[in-house]
């Protein structure tokens, strides 16, 4: 069964346009306010900057484990689903005045839902955390090394605190 696909454009900010595509999963049923959650979480991650000059664009794909598994396999060589994937655009050849294309964030419904249950977190809070995490990847942050994580995780904690969400890294202050 094919799920309907639609796009919501965030026109409230002249600096950041957020394109949300729902392709699969039970996003609308589980999170009736998914649009607002996406907008708030992505903006919260970007508020630590300035990370770019002028207008910018981000795409958020809300999909299922099967689609994310294909992306994970094809782009990262890992043939399994994961909660969130980020794909920085790297568009250095854009014409002057064009929006900066920051990249794409894909979130898998089943993995996100399962993790929220396992971690005893509200689904909306875990979803918001994954969006903040994904956006920080688009902005060039990573956690491959301890030093990288020491830089990225406090930004996540700060962005989530601004959204009223508890620290996902309780061992960090």
C-alpha atoms as a PDB file:
ATOM      1  CA  UNK A   1       0.000   0.000   0.000  1.00  0.00           C
ATOM      2  CA  UNK A   2       1.422   3.375  -1.001  1.00  0.00           C
ATOM      3  CA  UNK A   3       1.240   6.135   1.577  1.00  0.00           C
ATOM      4  CA  UNK A   4       0.326   9.602   0.361  1.00  0.00           C
ATOM      5  CA  UNK A   5       3.211  12.001   0.010  1.00  0.00           C
ATOM      6  CA  UNK A   6       2.877  15.709   0.612  1.00  0.00           C
ATOM      7  CA  UNK A   7       5.096  18.616   1.319  1.00  0.00           C
ATOM      8  CA  UNK A   8       4.815  21.381   3.879  1.00  0.00           C
ATOM      9  CA  UNK A   9       6.949  24.452   3.361  1.00  0.00           C
ATOM     10  CA  UNK A  10       7.907  26.586   6.338  1.00  0.00           C
ATOM     11  CA  UNK A  11       7.317  30.136   5.140  1.00  0.00           C
ATOM     12  CA  UNK A  12       7.587  31.672   8.631  1.00  0.00           C
ATOM     13  CA  UNK A  13      11.336  32.166   8.454  1.00  0.00           C
ATOM     14  CA  UNK A  14      13.160  34.040   5.729  1.00  0.00           C
ATOM     15  CA  UNK A  15      16.447  32.431   6.805  1.00  0.00           C
ATOM     16  CA  UNK A  16      15.488  28.746   6.830  1.00  0.00           C
ATOM     17  CA  UNK A  17      12.979  26.923   4.679  1.00  0.00           C
ATOM     18  CA  UNK A  18      12.112  23.440   5.922  1.00  0.00           C
ATOM     19  CA  UNK A  19      10.551  21.061   3.419  1.00  0.00           C
ATOM     20  CA  UNK A  20       8.760  18.140   5.105  1.00  0.00           C
ATOM     21  CA  UNK A  21       7.850  15.054   3.109  1.00  0.00           C
ATOM     22  CA  UNK A  22       5.819  12.246   4.651  1.00  0.00           C
ATOM     23  CA  UNK A  23       6.258   9.092   2.606  1.00  0.00           C
ATOM     24  CA  UNK A  24       5.512   6.211   4.923  1.00  0.00           C
ATOM     25  CA  UNK A  25       4.906   5.139   8.455  1.00  0.00           C
ATOM     26  CA  UNK A  26       2.284   6.258  10.926  1.00  0.00           C
ATOM     27  CA  UNK A  27       3.675   9.744  11.474  1.00  0.00           C
ATOM     28  CA  UNK A  28       0.370  11.584  11.152  1.00  0.00           C
ATOM     29  CA  UNK A  29      -1.418   9.261  13.563  1.00  0.00           C
ATOM     30  CA  UNK A  30       1.370   9.102  16.153  1.00  0.00           C
ATOM     31  CA  UNK A  31       2.305  12.787  15.949  1.00  0.00           C
ATOM     32  CA  UNK A  32      -0.584  14.935  14.699  1.00  0.00           C
ATOM     33  CA  UNK A  33       1.638  17.998  15.253  1.00  0.00           C
ATOM     34  CA  UNK A  34       4.651  16.553  13.376  1.00  0.00           C
ATOM     35  CA  UNK A  35       4.945  19.692  11.228  1.00  0.00           C
ATOM     36  CA  UNK A  36       5.342  21.973  14.234  1.00  0.00           C
ATOM     37  CA  UNK A  37       7.734  19.532  15.921  1.00  0.00           C
ATOM     38  CA  UNK A  38       9.910  19.431  12.786  1.00  0.00           C
ATOM     39  CA  UNK A  39       9.993  23.188  12.450  1.00  0.00           C
ATOM     40  CA  UNK A  40      10.823  23.772  16.116  1.00  0.00           C
ATOM     41  CA  UNK A  41      13.502  21.057  16.361  1.00  0.00           C
ATOM     42  CA  UNK A  42      15.336  21.983  13.171  1.00  0.00           C
ATOM     43  CA  UNK A  43      15.278  25.665  14.090  1.00  0.00           C
ATOM     44  CA  UNK A  44      16.472  24.879  17.644  1.00  0.00           C
ATOM     45  CA  UNK A  45      19.536  23.102  16.257  1.00  0.00           C
ATOM     46  CA  UNK A  46      20.261  25.965  13.859  1.00  0.00           C
ATOM     47  CA  UNK A  47      19.956  28.634  16.565  1.00  0.00           C
ATOM     48  CA  UNK A  48      23.434  27.865  17.884  1.00  0.00           C
ATOM     49  CA  UNK A  49      24.997  29.434  14.755  1.00  0.00           C
ATOM     50  CA  UNK A  50      25.421  31.511  12.511  1.00  0.00           C
ATOM     51  CA  UNK A  51      26.218  28.556  10.318  1.00  0.00           C
ATOM     52  CA  UNK A  52      25.472  30.128   6.934  1.00  0.00           C
ATOM     53  CA  UNK A  53      24.853  33.506   5.303  1.00  0.00           C
ATOM     54  CA  UNK A  54      21.481  34.312   3.724  1.00  0.00           C
ATOM     55  CA  UNK A  55      18.555  31.971   3.193  1.00  0.00           C
ATOM     56  CA  UNK A  56      18.939  28.210   3.547  1.00  0.00           C
ATOM     57  CA  UNK A  57      16.903  25.071   2.900  1.00  0.00           C
ATOM     58  CA  UNK A  58      16.582  21.723   4.679  1.00  0.00           C
ATOM     59  CA  UNK A  59      14.534  18.720   3.640  1.00  0.00           C
ATOM     60  CA  UNK A  60      13.024  16.331   6.213  1.00  0.00           C
ATOM     61  CA  UNK A  61      11.800  12.916   5.072  1.00  0.00           C
ATOM     62  CA  UNK A  62       9.485  11.040   7.442  1.00  0.00           C
ATOM     63  CA  UNK A  63       9.476   7.455   6.302  1.00  0.00           C
ATOM     64  CA  UNK A  64       9.740   3.886   7.555  1.00  0.00           C
ATOM     65  CA  UNK A  65      12.451   1.388   8.433  1.00  0.00           C
ATOM     66  CA  UNK A  66      12.407  -0.229   4.983  1.00  0.00           C
ATOM     67  CA  UNK A  67      13.174   3.047   3.184  1.00  0.00           C
ATOM     68  CA  UNK A  68      15.827   4.085   5.710  1.00  0.00           C
ATOM     69  CA  UNK A  69      17.441   0.651   5.466  1.00  0.00           C
ATOM     70  CA  UNK A  70      17.836   1.136   1.706  1.00  0.00           C
ATOM     71  CA  UNK A  71      19.343   4.590   2.219  1.00  0.00           C
ATOM     72  CA  UNK A  72      21.637   3.283   4.950  1.00  0.00           C
ATOM     73  CA  UNK A  73      22.757   0.382   2.743  1.00  0.00           C
ATOM     74  CA  UNK A  74      23.276   2.459  -0.394  1.00  0.00           C
ATOM     75  CA  UNK A  75      24.986   5.474   1.217  1.00  0.00           C
ATOM     76  CA  UNK A  76      26.710   4.057   4.297  1.00  0.00           C
ATOM     77  CA  UNK A  77      27.197   0.379   3.436  1.00  0.00           C
ATOM     78  CA  UNK A  78      25.136  -0.692   6.468  1.00  0.00           C
ATOM     79  CA  UNK A  79      22.245  -2.965   5.460  1.00  0.00           C
ATOM     80  CA  UNK A  80      19.985  -2.271   8.422  1.00  0.00           C
ATOM     81  CA  UNK A  81      17.521   0.403   9.454  1.00  0.00           C
ATOM     82  CA  UNK A  82      18.568   3.193  11.771  1.00  0.00           C
ATOM     83  CA  UNK A  83      16.690   6.006  13.477  1.00  0.00           C
ATOM     84  CA  UNK A  84      17.963   9.038  11.543  1.00  0.00           C
ATOM     85  CA  UNK A  85      20.216   9.703   8.577  1.00  0.00           C
ATOM     86  CA  UNK A  86      21.626  13.034   7.473  1.00  0.00           C
ATOM     87  CA  UNK A  87      22.870  13.868   4.009  1.00  0.00           C
ATOM     88  CA  UNK A  88      24.730  17.199   3.831  1.00  0.00           C
ATOM     89  CA  UNK A  89      24.253  18.849   0.456  1.00  0.00           C
ATOM     90  CA  UNK A  90      27.731  20.279  -0.088  1.00  0.00           C
ATOM     91  CA  UNK A  91      26.511  22.663  -2.785  1.00  0.00           C
ATOM     92  CA  UNK A  92      29.482  24.963  -3.183  1.00  0.00           C
ATOM     93  CA  UNK A  93      28.563  25.784  -6.801  1.00  0.00           C
ATOM     94  CA  UNK A  94      25.264  27.560  -6.126  1.00  0.00           C
ATOM     95  CA  UNK A  95      24.697  30.853  -7.925  1.00  0.00           C
ATOM     96  CA  UNK A  96      24.999  34.053  -5.867  1.00  0.00           C
ATOM     97  CA  UNK A  97      21.848  34.813  -3.883  1.00  0.00           C
ATOM     98  CA  UNK A  98      20.521  31.245  -4.104  1.00  0.00           C
ATOM     99  CA  UNK A  99      19.545  29.591  -0.818  1.00  0.00           C
ATOM    100  CA  UNK A 100      22.196  27.459   0.817  1.00  0.00           C
ATOM    101  CA  UNK A 101      21.085  23.838   0.478  1.00  0.00           C
ATOM    102  CA  UNK A 102      22.027  22.358   3.829  1.00  0.00           C
ATOM    103  CA  UNK A 103      20.851  18.833   3.037  1.00  0.00           C
ATOM    104  CA  UNK A 104      18.362  16.132   3.909  1.00  0.00           C
ATOM    105  CA  UNK A 105      17.326  14.401   7.117  1.00  0.00           C
ATOM    106  CA  UNK A 106      15.497  11.038   6.961  1.00  0.00           C
ATOM    107  CA  UNK A 107      13.753   9.584  10.031  1.00  0.00           C
ATOM    108  CA  UNK A 108      12.474   5.997  10.320  1.00  0.00           C
ATOM    109  CA  UNK A 109       9.152   5.629  12.102  1.00  0.00           C
ATOM    110  CA  UNK A 110       9.453   2.099  13.502  1.00  0.00           C
ATOM    111  CA  UNK A 111      12.981   2.482  14.872  1.00  0.00           C
ATOM    112  CA  UNK A 112      12.189   5.880  16.381  1.00  0.00           C
ATOM    113  CA  UNK A 113       9.008   4.545  17.979  1.00  0.00           C
ATOM    114  CA  UNK A 114      10.720   1.428  19.331  1.00  0.00           C
ATOM    115  CA  UNK A 115      13.621   3.417  20.798  1.00  0.00           C
ATOM    116  CA  UNK A 116      11.259   5.848  22.512  1.00  0.00           C
ATOM    117  CA  UNK A 117       9.478   2.917  24.173  1.00  0.00           C
ATOM    118  CA  UNK A 118      12.739   1.198  25.148  1.00  0.00           C
ATOM    119  CA  UNK A 119      14.137   4.426  26.598  1.00  0.00           C
ATOM    120  CA  UNK A 120      10.849   5.313  28.289  1.00  0.00           C
ATOM    121  CA  UNK A 121      10.722   8.682  26.519  1.00  0.00           C
ATOM    122  CA  UNK A 122       7.780  10.456  24.937  1.00  0.00           C
ATOM    123  CA  UNK A 123       7.786   9.716  21.205  1.00  0.00           C
ATOM    124  CA  UNK A 124       7.633  13.446  20.366  1.00  0.00           C
ATOM    125  CA  UNK A 125      10.706  14.149  22.523  1.00  0.00           C
ATOM    126  CA  UNK A 126      12.759  11.358  20.956  1.00  0.00           C
ATOM    127  CA  UNK A 127      11.669  12.445  17.467  1.00  0.00           C
ATOM    128  CA  UNK A 128      12.682  16.035  18.244  1.00  0.00           C
ATOM    129  CA  UNK A 129      16.051  14.837  19.532  1.00  0.00           C
ATOM    130  CA  UNK A 130      16.686  12.915  16.318  1.00  0.00           C
ATOM    131  CA  UNK A 131      15.841  15.988  14.236  1.00  0.00           C
ATOM    132  CA  UNK A 132      18.182  18.175  16.297  1.00  0.00           C
ATOM    133  CA  UNK A 133      20.870  15.494  15.976  1.00  0.00           C
ATOM    134  CA  UNK A 134      20.341  15.209  12.216  1.00  0.00           C
ATOM    135  CA  UNK A 135      20.390  18.966  11.706  1.00  0.00           C
ATOM    136  CA  UNK A 136      23.648  19.288  13.615  1.00  0.00           C
ATOM    137  CA  UNK A 137      25.140  16.716  11.237  1.00  0.00           C
ATOM    138  CA  UNK A 138      24.021  18.901   8.322  1.00  0.00           C
ATOM    139  CA  UNK A 139      25.773  21.820   9.994  1.00  0.00           C
ATOM    140  CA  UNK A 140      29.051  19.883  10.074  1.00  0.00           C
ATOM    141  CA  UNK A 141      29.038  18.387  13.567  1.00  0.00           C
ATOM    142  CA  UNK A 142      29.800  14.739  14.230  1.00  0.00           C
ATOM    143  CA  UNK A 143      30.386  12.276  17.061  1.00  0.00           C
ATOM    144  CA  UNK A 144      32.816   9.813  15.501  1.00  0.00           C
ATOM    145  CA  UNK A 145      35.492  10.642  18.050  1.00  0.00           C
ATOM    146  CA  UNK A 146      35.222  11.589  21.715  1.00  0.00           C
ATOM    147  CA  UNK A 147      36.444  15.085  20.851  1.00  0.00           C
ATOM    148  CA  UNK A 148      33.733  15.428  18.171  1.00  0.00           C
ATOM    149  CA  UNK A 149      31.082  14.185  20.608  1.00  0.00           C
ATOM    150  CA  UNK A 150      32.331  16.658  23.234  1.00  0.00           C
ATOM    151  CA  UNK A 151      31.538  19.432  20.761  1.00  0.00           C
ATOM    152  CA  UNK A 152      28.248  18.099  19.343  1.00  0.00           C
ATOM    153  CA  UNK A 153      26.422  16.705  22.368  1.00  0.00           C
ATOM    154  CA  UNK A 154      26.351  19.959  24.391  1.00  0.00           C
ATOM    155  CA  UNK A 155      24.757  21.643  21.364  1.00  0.00           C
ATOM    156  CA  UNK A 156      22.085  18.921  21.314  1.00  0.00           C
ATOM    157  CA  UNK A 157      21.495  19.307  25.049  1.00  0.00           C
ATOM    158  CA  UNK A 158      21.155  23.094  24.714  1.00  0.00           C
ATOM    159  CA  UNK A 159      18.798  22.906  21.718  1.00  0.00           C
ATOM    160  CA  UNK A 160      16.619  20.304  23.427  1.00  0.00           C
ATOM    161  CA  UNK A 161      16.523  22.298  26.663  1.00  0.00           C
ATOM    162  CA  UNK A 162      15.176  25.204  24.619  1.00  0.00           C
ATOM    163  CA  UNK A 163      12.378  22.870  23.519  1.00  0.00           C
ATOM    164  CA  UNK A 164      11.692  21.757  27.088  1.00  0.00           C
ATOM    165  CA  UNK A 165      13.171  18.287  26.490  1.00  0.00           C
ATOM    166  CA  UNK A 166      15.379  16.508  29.022  1.00  0.00           C
ATOM    167  CA  UNK A 167      19.063  15.909  28.414  1.00  0.00           C
ATOM    168  CA  UNK A 168      19.402  12.698  26.342  1.00  0.00           C
ATOM    169  CA  UNK A 169      22.977  12.302  27.631  1.00  0.00           C
ATOM    170  CA  UNK A 170      22.527  12.139  31.418  1.00  0.00           C
ATOM    171  CA  UNK A 171      26.257  11.627  31.949  1.00  0.00           C
ATOM    172  CA  UNK A 172      26.940  15.053  30.408  1.00  0.00           C
ATOM    173  CA  UNK A 173      26.174  18.369  32.040  1.00  0.00           C
END
